[in-house]
N, C-alpha and C. Protein backbone atom coordinates (compact mmCIF):
# COMPACT_ATOMS: atom_id res chain seq x y z
N MET A 1 -9.13 13.59 9.06
CA MET A 1 -10.28 14.40 8.71
C MET A 1 -10.82 13.96 7.35
N VAL A 2 -12.06 14.23 7.14
CA VAL A 2 -12.65 14.01 5.82
C VAL A 2 -12.32 15.27 5.00
N PRO A 3 -11.50 15.13 3.97
CA PRO A 3 -11.17 16.31 3.17
C PRO A 3 -12.42 16.87 2.49
N PRO A 4 -12.72 18.15 2.68
CA PRO A 4 -13.92 18.70 2.07
C PRO A 4 -13.87 18.67 0.54
N ASP A 5 -12.67 18.59 0.01
CA ASP A 5 -12.50 18.59 -1.45
C ASP A 5 -12.17 17.19 -1.99
N GLN A 6 -12.44 16.16 -1.20
CA GLN A 6 -12.16 14.79 -1.64
C GLN A 6 -13.09 14.42 -2.79
N SER A 7 -12.50 13.88 -3.82
CA SER A 7 -13.32 13.33 -4.91
C SER A 7 -13.00 11.84 -4.98
N GLY A 8 -14.02 11.04 -5.08
CA GLY A 8 -13.83 9.60 -5.05
C GLY A 8 -13.81 9.08 -3.63
N THR A 9 -13.40 7.84 -3.49
CA THR A 9 -13.45 7.19 -2.18
C THR A 9 -12.08 6.75 -1.69
N THR A 10 -11.02 7.25 -2.30
CA THR A 10 -9.68 6.85 -1.92
C THR A 10 -8.89 8.05 -1.40
N LEU A 11 -8.23 7.85 -0.25
CA LEU A 11 -7.29 8.84 0.27
C LEU A 11 -5.91 8.48 -0.26
N TYR A 12 -5.23 9.47 -0.85
CA TYR A 12 -3.91 9.26 -1.43
C TYR A 12 -2.87 10.09 -0.70
N PRO A 13 -1.65 9.54 -0.53
CA PRO A 13 -0.56 10.38 -0.05
C PRO A 13 -0.31 11.52 -1.04
N LEU A 14 0.27 12.59 -0.54
CA LEU A 14 0.46 13.78 -1.35
C LEU A 14 1.24 13.51 -2.65
N ASN A 15 2.30 12.72 -2.59
CA ASN A 15 3.08 12.47 -3.81
C ASN A 15 2.29 11.69 -4.86
N GLN A 16 1.38 10.84 -4.45
CA GLN A 16 0.51 10.16 -5.42
C GLN A 16 -0.54 11.11 -5.98
N LEU A 17 -1.00 12.01 -5.12
CA LEU A 17 -2.00 12.99 -5.55
C LEU A 17 -1.45 13.90 -6.65
N ARG A 18 -0.16 14.14 -6.62
CA ARG A 18 0.48 15.00 -7.63
C ARG A 18 0.20 14.48 -9.03
N ASP A 19 0.21 13.18 -9.22
CA ASP A 19 -0.04 12.59 -10.54
C ASP A 19 -1.53 12.44 -10.83
N ILE A 20 -2.34 12.24 -9.80
CA ILE A 20 -3.77 11.99 -9.98
C ILE A 20 -4.55 13.29 -10.19
N ASN A 21 -4.20 14.32 -9.41
CA ASN A 21 -4.93 15.59 -9.46
C ASN A 21 -3.95 16.73 -9.17
N PRO A 22 -3.20 17.19 -10.18
CA PRO A 22 -2.16 18.20 -9.97
C PRO A 22 -2.66 19.49 -9.31
N GLU A 23 -3.85 19.93 -9.62
CA GLU A 23 -4.36 21.17 -9.01
C GLU A 23 -4.61 20.99 -7.51
N LEU A 24 -5.21 19.87 -7.15
CA LEU A 24 -5.46 19.59 -5.74
C LEU A 24 -4.13 19.39 -5.00
N TYR A 25 -3.18 18.77 -5.68
CA TYR A 25 -1.84 18.59 -5.11
C TYR A 25 -1.24 19.95 -4.75
N LYS A 26 -1.29 20.91 -5.66
CA LYS A 26 -0.73 22.24 -5.40
C LYS A 26 -1.37 22.87 -4.18
N GLN A 27 -2.67 22.76 -4.09
CA GLN A 27 -3.39 23.32 -2.95
C GLN A 27 -2.95 22.67 -1.64
N LYS A 28 -2.88 21.33 -1.63
CA LYS A 28 -2.51 20.61 -0.41
C LYS A 28 -1.03 20.82 -0.06
N ALA A 29 -0.17 20.90 -1.06
CA ALA A 29 1.26 21.08 -0.82
C ALA A 29 1.55 22.47 -0.27
N SER A 30 0.65 23.42 -0.49
CA SER A 30 0.89 24.79 -0.03
C SER A 30 0.98 24.88 1.50
N LYS A 31 0.47 23.89 2.21
CA LYS A 31 0.57 23.93 3.68
C LYS A 31 2.02 23.76 4.15
N TYR A 32 2.90 23.39 3.23
CA TYR A 32 4.31 23.24 3.57
C TYR A 32 5.14 24.46 3.16
N THR A 33 4.48 25.53 2.75
CA THR A 33 5.20 26.75 2.39
C THR A 33 6.03 27.22 3.58
N GLY A 34 7.30 27.45 3.34
CA GLY A 34 8.20 27.87 4.40
C GLY A 34 8.85 26.72 5.14
N ARG A 35 8.42 25.53 4.86
CA ARG A 35 9.00 24.33 5.49
C ARG A 35 9.01 23.17 4.49
N GLU A 36 9.33 23.52 3.25
CA GLU A 36 9.32 22.54 2.16
C GLU A 36 10.28 21.38 2.41
N HIS A 37 11.37 21.64 3.15
CA HIS A 37 12.36 20.59 3.42
C HIS A 37 11.74 19.39 4.15
N VAL A 38 10.66 19.62 4.88
CA VAL A 38 9.99 18.51 5.59
C VAL A 38 9.47 17.49 4.58
N THR A 39 9.02 17.96 3.41
CA THR A 39 8.45 17.05 2.42
C THR A 39 9.49 16.10 1.84
N GLU A 40 10.77 16.44 2.00
CA GLU A 40 11.85 15.59 1.51
C GLU A 40 12.41 14.69 2.60
N ARG A 41 11.81 14.73 3.77
CA ARG A 41 12.27 13.94 4.91
C ARG A 41 11.99 12.45 4.66
N GLN A 42 13.02 11.65 4.79
CA GLN A 42 12.87 10.19 4.70
C GLN A 42 12.20 9.70 5.99
N ILE A 43 11.27 8.79 5.84
CA ILE A 43 10.60 8.18 6.98
C ILE A 43 11.34 6.89 7.33
N PRO A 44 12.03 6.88 8.47
CA PRO A 44 12.71 5.64 8.87
C PRO A 44 11.70 4.51 9.01
N LEU A 45 12.13 3.34 8.78
CA LEU A 45 11.33 2.11 8.88
C LEU A 45 10.43 1.88 7.67
N LEU A 46 10.09 2.93 6.92
CA LEU A 46 9.22 2.76 5.75
C LEU A 46 9.96 2.98 4.44
N ASP A 47 11.15 3.55 4.50
CA ASP A 47 11.96 3.80 3.31
C ASP A 47 11.18 4.57 2.24
N CYS A 48 10.61 5.69 2.66
CA CYS A 48 9.88 6.55 1.74
C CYS A 48 9.94 7.98 2.26
N LEU A 49 9.38 8.90 1.50
CA LEU A 49 9.37 10.31 1.89
C LEU A 49 8.14 10.67 2.72
N TRP A 50 8.23 11.80 3.39
CA TRP A 50 7.15 12.36 4.20
C TRP A 50 5.84 12.44 3.42
N ASN A 51 5.92 12.80 2.16
CA ASN A 51 4.73 12.96 1.33
C ASN A 51 4.30 11.66 0.64
N ASP A 52 4.96 10.55 0.97
CA ASP A 52 4.57 9.25 0.44
C ASP A 52 3.67 8.49 1.40
N VAL A 53 3.30 9.14 2.51
CA VAL A 53 2.46 8.48 3.52
C VAL A 53 1.23 9.34 3.80
N LEU A 54 0.20 8.68 4.29
CA LEU A 54 -0.98 9.38 4.79
C LEU A 54 -0.73 9.68 6.26
N HIS A 55 -1.13 10.87 6.69
CA HIS A 55 -0.92 11.32 8.06
C HIS A 55 -2.25 11.23 8.80
N LEU A 56 -2.29 10.41 9.84
CA LEU A 56 -3.50 10.16 10.60
C LEU A 56 -3.25 10.50 12.07
N SER A 57 -4.31 10.73 12.81
CA SER A 57 -4.18 11.11 14.20
C SER A 57 -4.87 10.11 15.12
N PRO A 58 -4.21 9.78 16.25
CA PRO A 58 -4.86 8.91 17.24
C PRO A 58 -5.73 9.69 18.23
N ILE A 59 -5.77 11.02 18.11
CA ILE A 59 -6.54 11.86 19.03
C ILE A 59 -8.03 11.76 18.70
N PRO A 60 -8.89 11.47 19.67
CA PRO A 60 -10.33 11.46 19.41
C PRO A 60 -10.78 12.85 18.93
N PRO A 61 -11.58 12.91 17.87
CA PRO A 61 -12.00 14.20 17.30
C PRO A 61 -12.63 15.16 18.31
N HIS A 62 -13.47 14.64 19.21
CA HIS A 62 -14.11 15.53 20.18
C HIS A 62 -13.10 16.17 21.12
N LYS A 63 -12.04 15.44 21.44
CA LYS A 63 -10.99 15.95 22.32
C LYS A 63 -10.21 17.06 21.62
N LEU A 64 -9.86 16.85 20.36
CA LEU A 64 -9.13 17.87 19.60
C LEU A 64 -9.97 19.13 19.46
N LYS A 65 -11.24 18.97 19.14
CA LYS A 65 -12.10 20.14 18.97
C LYS A 65 -12.24 20.91 20.28
N ALA A 66 -12.39 20.22 21.39
CA ALA A 66 -12.53 20.89 22.69
C ALA A 66 -11.29 21.73 23.00
N VAL A 67 -10.12 21.20 22.72
CA VAL A 67 -8.88 21.94 22.97
C VAL A 67 -8.78 23.15 22.05
N LEU A 68 -9.16 22.98 20.79
CA LEU A 68 -9.12 24.10 19.85
C LEU A 68 -10.12 25.20 20.24
N LEU A 69 -11.30 24.81 20.66
CA LEU A 69 -12.29 25.80 21.10
C LEU A 69 -11.79 26.56 22.34
N ALA A 70 -11.19 25.83 23.27
CA ALA A 70 -10.66 26.47 24.47
C ALA A 70 -9.53 27.44 24.14
N ALA A 71 -8.82 27.18 23.06
CA ALA A 71 -7.71 28.04 22.64
C ALA A 71 -8.19 29.28 21.88
N GLY A 72 -9.46 29.28 21.47
CA GLY A 72 -9.98 30.44 20.78
C GLY A 72 -10.49 30.22 19.37
N MET A 73 -10.56 28.97 18.94
CA MET A 73 -11.09 28.70 17.60
C MET A 73 -12.57 29.00 17.55
N GLU A 74 -13.02 29.52 16.43
CA GLU A 74 -14.44 29.73 16.19
C GLU A 74 -15.11 28.36 16.03
N ASP A 75 -16.26 28.18 16.64
CA ASP A 75 -16.94 26.89 16.59
C ASP A 75 -17.45 26.58 15.18
N ARG A 76 -17.12 25.41 14.70
CA ARG A 76 -17.62 24.92 13.42
C ARG A 76 -17.53 23.40 13.44
N GLN A 77 -18.21 22.78 12.49
CA GLN A 77 -18.23 21.31 12.44
C GLN A 77 -17.03 20.77 11.67
N PHE A 78 -16.55 19.63 12.16
CA PHE A 78 -15.50 18.88 11.48
C PHE A 78 -15.97 17.45 11.34
N SER A 79 -15.56 16.81 10.26
CA SER A 79 -15.87 15.39 10.05
C SER A 79 -14.58 14.61 9.92
N TYR A 80 -14.57 13.45 10.55
CA TYR A 80 -13.39 12.60 10.57
C TYR A 80 -13.77 11.18 10.17
N TYR A 81 -12.88 10.54 9.42
CA TYR A 81 -13.06 9.11 9.18
C TYR A 81 -12.64 8.37 10.44
N GLN A 82 -13.42 7.37 10.78
CA GLN A 82 -13.08 6.52 11.92
C GLN A 82 -12.48 5.24 11.34
N ILE A 83 -11.20 5.05 11.60
CA ILE A 83 -10.47 3.93 11.01
C ILE A 83 -10.04 2.97 12.12
N VAL A 84 -10.34 1.73 11.95
CA VAL A 84 -9.94 0.71 12.92
C VAL A 84 -8.42 0.52 12.82
N PRO A 85 -7.70 0.72 13.93
CA PRO A 85 -6.24 0.63 13.88
C PRO A 85 -5.69 -0.70 13.38
N ALA A 86 -6.46 -1.78 13.54
CA ALA A 86 -6.00 -3.10 13.10
C ALA A 86 -5.92 -3.20 11.57
N LEU A 87 -6.50 -2.25 10.86
CA LEU A 87 -6.45 -2.29 9.39
C LEU A 87 -5.06 -1.98 8.85
N PHE A 88 -4.20 -1.39 9.68
CA PHE A 88 -2.88 -1.01 9.21
C PHE A 88 -1.85 -2.10 9.45
N ALA A 89 -1.17 -2.49 8.40
CA ALA A 89 -0.10 -3.47 8.52
C ALA A 89 1.13 -2.77 9.11
N PRO A 90 1.71 -3.31 10.17
CA PRO A 90 2.88 -2.68 10.78
C PRO A 90 4.03 -2.45 9.81
N LYS A 91 4.16 -3.28 8.78
CA LYS A 91 5.26 -3.09 7.83
C LYS A 91 5.06 -1.84 6.96
N ASN A 92 3.84 -1.31 6.89
CA ASN A 92 3.54 -0.11 6.10
C ASN A 92 3.15 1.09 6.96
N THR A 93 3.35 0.99 8.26
CA THR A 93 2.85 2.02 9.16
C THR A 93 3.86 2.27 10.28
N VAL A 94 4.05 3.53 10.63
CA VAL A 94 4.88 3.89 11.78
C VAL A 94 4.15 4.95 12.60
N ILE A 95 4.64 5.13 13.81
CA ILE A 95 4.15 6.20 14.67
C ILE A 95 5.21 7.29 14.67
N TYR A 96 4.78 8.51 14.40
CA TYR A 96 5.65 9.68 14.51
C TYR A 96 5.25 10.37 15.81
N LEU A 97 6.15 10.40 16.77
CA LEU A 97 5.82 10.90 18.11
C LEU A 97 5.66 12.42 18.16
N HIS A 98 6.23 13.13 17.23
CA HIS A 98 6.11 14.59 17.11
C HIS A 98 6.42 15.30 18.43
N GLN A 99 7.66 15.18 18.85
CA GLN A 99 8.06 15.73 20.13
C GLN A 99 8.67 17.13 20.04
N SER A 100 8.92 17.61 18.84
CA SER A 100 9.54 18.92 18.68
C SER A 100 8.51 20.03 18.70
N THR A 101 8.86 21.13 19.32
CA THR A 101 7.98 22.28 19.36
C THR A 101 8.24 23.23 18.19
N ASP A 102 9.24 22.93 17.38
CA ASP A 102 9.58 23.80 16.27
C ASP A 102 8.92 23.29 15.00
N ARG A 103 8.03 24.08 14.43
CA ARG A 103 7.27 23.64 13.27
C ARG A 103 8.06 23.66 11.98
N VAL A 104 9.27 24.22 12.01
CA VAL A 104 10.06 24.36 10.78
C VAL A 104 11.07 23.24 10.61
N ILE A 105 11.54 22.66 11.71
CA ILE A 105 12.58 21.64 11.57
C ILE A 105 11.99 20.33 11.07
N ALA A 106 12.85 19.53 10.47
CA ALA A 106 12.44 18.20 10.05
C ALA A 106 12.56 17.26 11.25
N PRO A 107 11.69 16.28 11.35
CA PRO A 107 11.71 15.36 12.49
C PRO A 107 13.02 14.58 12.60
N GLU A 108 13.37 14.26 13.83
CA GLU A 108 14.54 13.42 14.11
C GLU A 108 14.17 11.94 13.93
N ASP A 109 15.14 11.12 13.58
CA ASP A 109 14.90 9.68 13.41
C ASP A 109 14.28 9.06 14.67
N SER A 110 14.71 9.54 15.84
CA SER A 110 14.24 8.95 17.10
C SER A 110 12.75 9.19 17.34
N GLU A 111 12.13 10.10 16.57
CA GLU A 111 10.71 10.38 16.74
C GLU A 111 9.81 9.40 15.98
N PHE A 112 10.42 8.50 15.23
CA PHE A 112 9.66 7.49 14.47
C PHE A 112 9.86 6.14 15.15
N VAL A 113 8.75 5.51 15.49
CA VAL A 113 8.81 4.21 16.16
C VAL A 113 7.89 3.23 15.43
N PRO A 114 8.16 1.94 15.55
CA PRO A 114 7.30 0.95 14.89
C PRO A 114 5.84 1.09 15.31
N TYR A 115 4.96 0.81 14.39
CA TYR A 115 3.53 0.84 14.66
C TYR A 115 3.16 -0.31 15.58
N ASP A 116 2.50 0.03 16.68
CA ASP A 116 2.07 -0.96 17.66
C ASP A 116 0.72 -0.51 18.21
N ILE A 117 -0.31 -1.28 17.91
CA ILE A 117 -1.66 -0.94 18.35
C ILE A 117 -1.73 -0.78 19.87
N GLU A 118 -0.96 -1.57 20.59
CA GLU A 118 -0.98 -1.51 22.05
C GLU A 118 -0.49 -0.16 22.57
N ARG A 119 0.26 0.55 21.76
CA ARG A 119 0.82 1.84 22.18
C ARG A 119 -0.15 3.01 21.94
N LEU A 120 -1.18 2.81 21.15
CA LEU A 120 -2.07 3.90 20.78
C LEU A 120 -2.74 4.61 21.96
N PRO A 121 -3.19 3.90 23.01
CA PRO A 121 -3.84 4.60 24.13
C PRO A 121 -2.96 5.68 24.78
N GLU A 122 -1.64 5.50 24.75
CA GLU A 122 -0.76 6.50 25.36
C GLU A 122 -0.57 7.73 24.46
N LEU A 123 -1.10 7.68 23.25
CA LEU A 123 -0.90 8.77 22.29
C LEU A 123 -2.12 9.67 22.15
N VAL A 124 -3.11 9.52 22.99
CA VAL A 124 -4.35 10.29 22.84
C VAL A 124 -4.36 11.59 23.65
N HIS A 125 -3.21 12.02 24.12
CA HIS A 125 -3.11 13.25 24.90
C HIS A 125 -2.50 14.36 24.05
N ILE A 126 -3.09 15.54 24.15
CA ILE A 126 -2.57 16.71 23.43
C ILE A 126 -1.63 17.43 24.39
N PRO A 127 -0.35 17.54 24.02
CA PRO A 127 0.62 18.16 24.93
C PRO A 127 0.24 19.60 25.28
N GLU A 128 0.64 20.00 26.47
CA GLU A 128 0.37 21.36 26.94
C GLU A 128 1.00 22.39 26.00
N TRP A 129 2.21 22.10 25.51
CA TRP A 129 2.86 23.08 24.63
C TRP A 129 2.08 23.24 23.32
N THR A 130 1.42 22.20 22.86
CA THR A 130 0.58 22.31 21.67
C THR A 130 -0.63 23.18 21.97
N GLN A 131 -1.23 22.98 23.12
CA GLN A 131 -2.38 23.79 23.51
C GLN A 131 -1.98 25.27 23.64
N GLN A 132 -0.80 25.54 24.17
CA GLN A 132 -0.31 26.92 24.27
C GLN A 132 -0.06 27.50 22.88
N TYR A 133 0.47 26.68 21.99
CA TYR A 133 0.70 27.13 20.61
C TYR A 133 -0.63 27.52 19.95
N TYR A 134 -1.66 26.68 20.11
CA TYR A 134 -2.98 27.01 19.56
C TYR A 134 -3.47 28.37 20.07
N ALA A 135 -3.40 28.55 21.40
CA ALA A 135 -3.89 29.79 22.00
C ALA A 135 -3.11 31.00 21.48
N GLN A 136 -1.80 30.86 21.35
CA GLN A 136 -0.98 31.96 20.85
C GLN A 136 -1.34 32.29 19.40
N GLN A 137 -1.53 31.27 18.59
CA GLN A 137 -1.89 31.50 17.19
C GLN A 137 -3.23 32.23 17.08
N TYR A 138 -4.23 31.78 17.83
CA TYR A 138 -5.54 32.42 17.78
C TYR A 138 -5.48 33.85 18.34
N THR A 139 -4.69 34.05 19.39
CA THR A 139 -4.52 35.40 19.95
C THR A 139 -3.91 36.34 18.92
N ASN A 140 -2.98 35.82 18.12
CA ASN A 140 -2.31 36.62 17.09
C ASN A 140 -3.15 36.75 15.82
N GLY A 141 -4.30 36.09 15.78
CA GLY A 141 -5.14 36.13 14.58
C GLY A 141 -4.65 35.21 13.48
N ASP A 142 -3.79 34.26 13.84
CA ASP A 142 -3.24 33.30 12.87
C ASP A 142 -3.94 31.96 12.98
N LYS A 143 -3.86 31.20 11.92
CA LYS A 143 -4.43 29.86 11.90
C LYS A 143 -3.34 28.86 12.30
N PRO A 144 -3.54 28.10 13.37
CA PRO A 144 -2.51 27.15 13.78
C PRO A 144 -2.47 25.92 12.88
N LEU A 145 -1.32 25.27 12.88
CA LEU A 145 -1.22 23.95 12.27
C LEU A 145 -1.93 23.01 13.25
N ARG A 146 -3.04 22.46 12.85
CA ARG A 146 -3.92 21.73 13.76
C ARG A 146 -3.25 20.53 14.42
N PHE A 147 -2.31 19.90 13.75
CA PHE A 147 -1.74 18.68 14.30
C PHE A 147 -0.29 18.83 14.74
N LEU A 148 0.16 20.07 14.96
CA LEU A 148 1.50 20.32 15.47
C LEU A 148 1.60 19.76 16.89
N GLY A 149 2.60 18.93 17.11
CA GLY A 149 2.81 18.38 18.45
C GLY A 149 1.95 17.18 18.78
N ILE A 150 1.12 16.77 17.84
CA ILE A 150 0.25 15.62 18.07
C ILE A 150 0.86 14.41 17.36
N PRO A 151 0.97 13.29 18.05
CA PRO A 151 1.50 12.10 17.38
C PRO A 151 0.72 11.80 16.10
N HIS A 152 1.43 11.30 15.13
CA HIS A 152 0.83 10.92 13.85
C HIS A 152 0.99 9.42 13.64
N ILE A 153 0.03 8.84 12.99
CA ILE A 153 0.16 7.49 12.45
C ILE A 153 0.44 7.71 10.97
N LEU A 154 1.59 7.27 10.52
CA LEU A 154 1.99 7.46 9.12
C LEU A 154 1.82 6.13 8.40
N HIS A 155 0.96 6.14 7.39
CA HIS A 155 0.64 4.92 6.66
C HIS A 155 1.09 5.05 5.21
N LYS A 156 1.93 4.11 4.80
CA LYS A 156 2.42 4.07 3.43
C LYS A 156 1.42 3.28 2.58
N GLY A 157 0.63 4.01 1.83
CA GLY A 157 -0.39 3.37 1.02
C GLY A 157 -1.61 4.27 0.92
N THR A 158 -2.65 3.77 0.32
CA THR A 158 -3.90 4.50 0.19
C THR A 158 -4.91 3.93 1.18
N ILE A 159 -6.02 4.64 1.35
CA ILE A 159 -7.09 4.14 2.20
C ILE A 159 -8.40 4.28 1.43
N ASP A 160 -9.12 3.17 1.33
CA ASP A 160 -10.45 3.18 0.72
C ASP A 160 -11.44 3.60 1.80
N THR A 161 -12.15 4.70 1.56
CA THR A 161 -13.05 5.25 2.57
C THR A 161 -14.51 4.79 2.39
N THR A 162 -14.76 3.94 1.41
CA THR A 162 -16.12 3.54 1.07
C THR A 162 -16.95 3.15 2.28
N ASN A 163 -16.41 2.29 3.14
CA ASN A 163 -17.19 1.76 4.26
C ASN A 163 -16.76 2.31 5.61
N LEU A 164 -16.00 3.39 5.61
CA LEU A 164 -15.54 3.95 6.88
C LEU A 164 -16.63 4.82 7.50
N PRO A 165 -16.91 4.63 8.78
CA PRO A 165 -17.86 5.52 9.45
C PRO A 165 -17.26 6.93 9.54
N ILE A 166 -18.14 7.92 9.54
CA ILE A 166 -17.71 9.32 9.68
C ILE A 166 -18.25 9.84 10.99
N VAL A 167 -17.35 10.45 11.77
CA VAL A 167 -17.70 11.07 13.04
C VAL A 167 -17.71 12.57 12.80
N THR A 168 -18.80 13.23 13.17
CA THR A 168 -18.89 14.68 13.03
C THR A 168 -18.93 15.30 14.42
N VAL A 169 -18.05 16.26 14.64
CA VAL A 169 -18.01 16.96 15.93
C VAL A 169 -18.14 18.46 15.70
């Protein structure tokens, strides 16, 4: 997503943001309240922490929005950076399969696999259990974690957004 509070043209992992903009870091880190242990999770294959990577999604934005609307989300616009998958070096990028339905536990090592562009088409499906989670959260009047259960592309490094196209849905 395009962060509405982004300043500049660089996306930073959370741990780098802590030094660059401490106030914004506090705001962004608050999404881990109650599950802070996840931020200390080592990412296999990258030898870094959960907050040392950028978290990206292979799900097309229009597909994610359609599922969220069907679950009960109020309609509003979202903007996403469109990033060409070939820009990521496999040595700095992994796929997190996100197979657990428990939002509090830390991911298992087996859920991290090497980054492979050829594998991305199989990751564009939103699991049924994630869709049920969205519906339950909206029914309860709660805000769901938008990317729970959705595979992540974890990139160790920053991303320059200067020339990235933006898709608005």
